[in-house]
Amino acid sequence: MVALSNSADASPGPDIDVEGWLAGAERRPSPNQDARPPGTVIDLLVIHNISLPPGEFGGDWIEALFLNRLDPNAHPYFTPIAAVRVSAHLLIRRDGRLIQYVPCECRAWHAGLSSFQGRERCNDYSIGIELEGTDETPFTEMQYAALVACTRHLQRHYPAITAERIVGHADIAPGRKTDPGPAFDWARYRRDIG
């Protein structure tokens, strides 16, 4: 279970170490990461959604994708994506469990071709959080609680991530990506993070 408090009064503490690992998150280091450009200020948080196969929850397929172990023969959808090298810093499962694949100080390969306020290569300066879900499936109470707690810890550790610098994948890759989709309650999330 995640050590990050889900309470609105989560207090500051040593919740993120110098490498960018969150206390309480399960660690599953992905090879799909590299160093950020020297001098990079981490100042963007990108919210995604993912399910593998699409619309199915609870299996090990997301982890297999992020760890380059996805069996292309296990499902027809996997054949074209099995060789894709992607990752995210964090994944929040439907039950609120937090799994970290890339330390925040490193660059995860989550955004692809992207731009925010005219600045390209969002992977360089962002943190990517995947929510297990789809564009049309409501996210769970436990996911929102974990996301809010995680966001607060990230904002304390990386103060350049202001409320205005928290976006969806669709915002940085319009026309190419749609997540986190219409099922994600932005108003609730923004209210809850304060």
Protein backbone atom coordinates (compact mmCIF):
# COMPACT_ATOMS: atom_id res chain seq x y z
CA MET A 1 0.00 0.00 0.00
CA VAL A 2 1.13 3.53 -0.70
CA ALA A 3 2.71 5.50 2.14
CA LEU A 4 1.60 8.75 0.54
CA SER A 5 -1.27 10.11 2.57
CA ASN A 6 -4.60 10.39 0.80
CA SER A 7 -5.74 13.02 3.27
CA ALA A 8 -6.20 16.63 2.32
CA ASP A 9 -3.81 17.47 5.17
CA ALA A 10 -0.86 15.41 3.93
CA SER A 11 2.14 16.98 5.61
CA PRO A 12 5.47 17.69 3.98
CA GLY A 13 8.24 15.22 4.56
CA PRO A 14 10.96 13.19 2.92
CA ASP A 15 8.44 11.78 0.45
CA ILE A 16 10.68 11.91 -2.66
CA ASP A 17 14.35 10.96 -2.48
CA VAL A 18 17.20 12.63 -4.34
CA GLU A 19 16.80 10.34 -7.37
CA GLY A 20 13.10 11.04 -7.55
CA TRP A 21 11.64 7.83 -6.11
CA LEU A 22 8.42 8.35 -4.16
CA ALA A 23 8.23 6.85 -0.69
CA GLY A 24 5.64 4.10 -0.60
CA ALA A 25 5.40 3.59 -4.35
CA GLU A 26 6.18 0.10 -5.61
CA ARG A 27 9.36 0.28 -7.70
CA ARG A 28 9.56 -1.45 -11.08
CA PRO A 29 12.48 0.23 -12.90
CA SER A 30 11.87 0.47 -16.64
CA PRO A 31 14.73 0.46 -19.13
CA ASN A 32 12.75 3.02 -21.13
CA GLN A 33 14.29 6.10 -19.55
CA ASP A 34 17.33 8.28 -19.85
CA ALA A 35 18.88 11.43 -18.42
CA ARG A 36 17.14 14.75 -18.72
CA PRO A 37 19.09 17.50 -20.51
CA PRO A 38 21.53 19.24 -18.14
CA GLY A 39 19.99 22.07 -16.15
CA THR A 40 16.41 21.01 -16.85
CA VAL A 41 13.80 22.33 -14.43
CA ILE A 42 10.96 19.84 -13.97
CA ASP A 43 7.91 22.06 -14.41
CA LEU A 44 5.11 20.08 -16.06
CA LEU A 45 2.87 17.23 -14.93
CA VAL A 46 1.10 15.22 -17.62
CA ILE A 47 -1.91 13.01 -16.83
CA HIS A 48 -2.50 10.00 -19.09
CA ASN A 49 -4.68 6.91 -19.12
CA ILE A 50 -3.81 3.40 -20.21
CA SER A 51 -5.39 -0.04 -20.32
CA LEU A 52 -4.12 -3.19 -21.96
CA PRO A 53 -5.82 -4.66 -23.84
CA PRO A 54 -7.95 -1.54 -24.34
CA GLY A 55 -10.80 -1.43 -21.84
CA GLU A 56 -9.47 -4.29 -19.71
CA PHE A 57 -8.12 -3.67 -16.23
CA GLY A 58 -6.10 -5.50 -13.61
CA GLY A 59 -3.67 -7.58 -15.63
CA ASP A 60 0.11 -7.38 -15.90
CA TRP A 61 0.14 -6.11 -19.47
CA ILE A 62 0.89 -2.45 -18.68
CA GLU A 63 3.91 -3.46 -16.66
CA ALA A 64 4.99 -5.84 -19.40
CA LEU A 65 4.82 -2.96 -21.91
CA PHE A 66 6.84 -0.60 -19.68
CA LEU A 67 9.44 -3.31 -19.00
CA ASN A 68 9.74 -4.41 -22.68
CA ARG A 69 8.24 -7.83 -21.91
CA LEU A 70 4.94 -7.57 -23.77
CA ASP A 71 4.21 -10.81 -25.63
CA PRO A 72 3.05 -9.82 -29.14
CA ASN A 73 1.18 -13.15 -29.43
CA ALA A 74 -0.82 -12.81 -26.19
CA HIS A 75 -3.48 -10.54 -27.77
CA PRO A 76 -4.00 -9.18 -31.31
CA TYR A 77 -3.72 -5.59 -30.01
CA PHE A 78 -0.21 -6.29 -28.72
CA THR A 79 1.35 -7.24 -32.05
CA PRO A 80 1.97 -3.69 -33.32
CA ILE A 81 2.92 -2.24 -29.91
CA ALA A 82 5.12 -4.95 -28.41
CA ALA A 83 8.31 -3.40 -29.80
CA VAL A 84 7.38 0.16 -28.77
CA ARG A 85 9.65 1.53 -26.05
CA VAL A 86 7.52 3.57 -23.65
CA SER A 87 7.30 4.21 -19.95
CA ALA A 88 5.81 6.60 -17.41
CA HIS A 89 7.10 7.81 -14.12
CA LEU A 90 4.05 6.54 -12.27
CA LEU A 91 1.02 4.32 -12.75
CA ILE A 92 -2.06 4.47 -10.53
CA ARG A 93 -4.04 1.23 -10.71
CA ARG A 94 -7.83 1.07 -10.32
CA ASP A 95 -7.44 0.21 -6.62
CA GLY A 96 -5.24 3.26 -6.03
CA ARG A 97 -1.98 1.31 -5.92
CA LEU A 98 0.96 3.47 -6.98
CA ILE A 99 3.74 1.92 -9.07
CA GLN A 100 6.82 3.85 -10.15
CA TYR A 101 8.73 2.87 -13.27
CA VAL A 102 11.07 5.83 -13.68
CA PRO A 103 12.53 8.08 -10.97
CA CYS A 104 11.30 11.65 -11.38
CA GLU A 105 14.79 13.02 -11.87
CA CYS A 106 15.09 10.94 -15.07
CA ARG A 107 13.25 11.31 -18.36
CA ALA A 108 10.44 8.82 -18.93
CA TRP A 109 9.31 8.15 -22.47
CA HIS A 110 5.63 8.97 -21.97
CA ALA A 111 4.73 12.02 -24.06
CA GLY A 112 6.10 11.30 -27.51
CA LEU A 113 5.91 14.14 -30.04
CA SER A 114 4.63 16.93 -27.84
CA SER A 115 4.63 20.66 -27.13
CA PHE A 116 3.47 22.87 -24.25
CA GLN A 117 3.19 26.64 -24.64
CA GLY A 118 5.47 26.48 -27.69
CA ARG A 119 8.12 24.40 -25.95
CA GLU A 120 8.65 21.00 -27.57
CA ARG A 121 9.94 17.67 -26.20
CA CYS A 122 7.77 17.56 -23.09
CA ASN A 123 9.51 14.39 -21.90
CA ASP A 124 12.55 16.55 -21.16
CA TYR A 125 10.86 18.62 -18.45
CA SER A 126 7.72 16.74 -17.39
CA ILE A 127 6.57 13.98 -15.09
CA GLY A 128 4.06 11.53 -16.55
CA ILE A 129 1.37 9.81 -14.48
CA GLU A 130 -0.71 7.06 -16.05
CA LEU A 131 -4.13 6.23 -14.64
CA GLU A 132 -5.34 2.73 -15.38
CA GLY A 133 -8.46 3.47 -17.37
CA THR A 134 -9.93 4.67 -20.64
CA ASP A 135 -11.22 7.96 -22.00
CA GLU A 136 -14.84 6.93 -21.34
CA THR A 137 -14.56 4.87 -18.13
CA PRO A 138 -14.97 6.84 -14.89
CA PHE A 139 -11.87 6.71 -12.72
CA THR A 140 -12.22 5.33 -9.21
CA GLU A 141 -12.35 7.16 -5.90
CA MET A 142 -9.10 5.42 -4.93
CA GLN A 143 -7.40 6.67 -8.09
CA TYR A 144 -8.41 10.26 -7.46
CA ALA A 145 -7.24 10.04 -3.83
CA ALA A 146 -3.87 8.60 -4.86
CA LEU A 147 -3.49 11.11 -7.70
CA VAL A 148 -4.23 14.07 -5.43
CA ALA A 149 -1.80 12.88 -2.76
CA CYS A 150 0.88 12.15 -5.36
CA THR A 151 0.38 15.53 -7.05
CA ARG A 152 0.78 17.36 -3.76
CA HIS A 153 4.04 15.56 -3.02
CA LEU A 154 5.32 16.31 -6.52
CA GLN A 155 4.36 19.97 -6.27
CA ARG A 156 6.17 20.32 -2.95
CA HIS A 157 9.29 18.68 -4.36
CA TYR A 158 9.07 20.40 -7.76
CA PRO A 159 7.50 23.82 -7.03
CA ALA A 160 7.65 24.87 -10.70
CA ILE A 161 4.76 22.41 -11.27
CA THR A 162 2.01 24.91 -10.59
CA ALA A 163 -1.69 24.23 -11.10
CA GLU A 164 -1.44 25.86 -14.54
CA ARG A 165 1.30 23.40 -15.47
CA ILE A 166 -0.76 20.24 -14.91
CA VAL A 167 -2.19 19.03 -18.20
CA GLY A 168 -3.53 16.02 -20.02
CA HIS A 169 -1.71 14.12 -22.73
CA ALA A 170 -4.29 15.53 -25.18
CA ASP A 171 -3.17 19.07 -24.26
CA ILE A 172 0.43 18.49 -25.32
CA ALA A 173 -0.31 16.23 -28.30
CA PRO A 174 -3.61 17.54 -29.71
CA GLY A 175 -5.02 15.57 -32.59
CA ARG A 176 -2.72 12.66 -31.75
CA LYS A 177 -3.78 11.83 -28.19
CA THR A 178 -7.09 12.11 -26.33
CA ASP A 179 -6.23 11.02 -22.80
CA PRO A 180 -7.05 11.27 -20.01
CA GLY A 181 -10.35 11.80 -21.83
CA PRO A 182 -13.82 13.09 -20.98
CA ALA A 183 -14.25 10.63 -18.09
CA PHE A 184 -11.50 12.38 -16.14
CA ASP A 185 -12.99 14.94 -13.76
CA TRP A 186 -10.61 17.89 -14.09
CA ALA A 187 -12.77 20.18 -11.94
CA ARG A 188 -12.76 17.71 -9.06
CA TYR A 189 -9.03 17.03 -9.36
CA ARG A 190 -8.10 20.72 -9.49
CA ARG A 191 -10.39 21.48 -6.54
CA ASP A 192 -8.91 18.64 -4.49
CA ILE A 193 -5.28 19.60 -5.08
CA GLY A 194 -6.14 23.14 -4.01
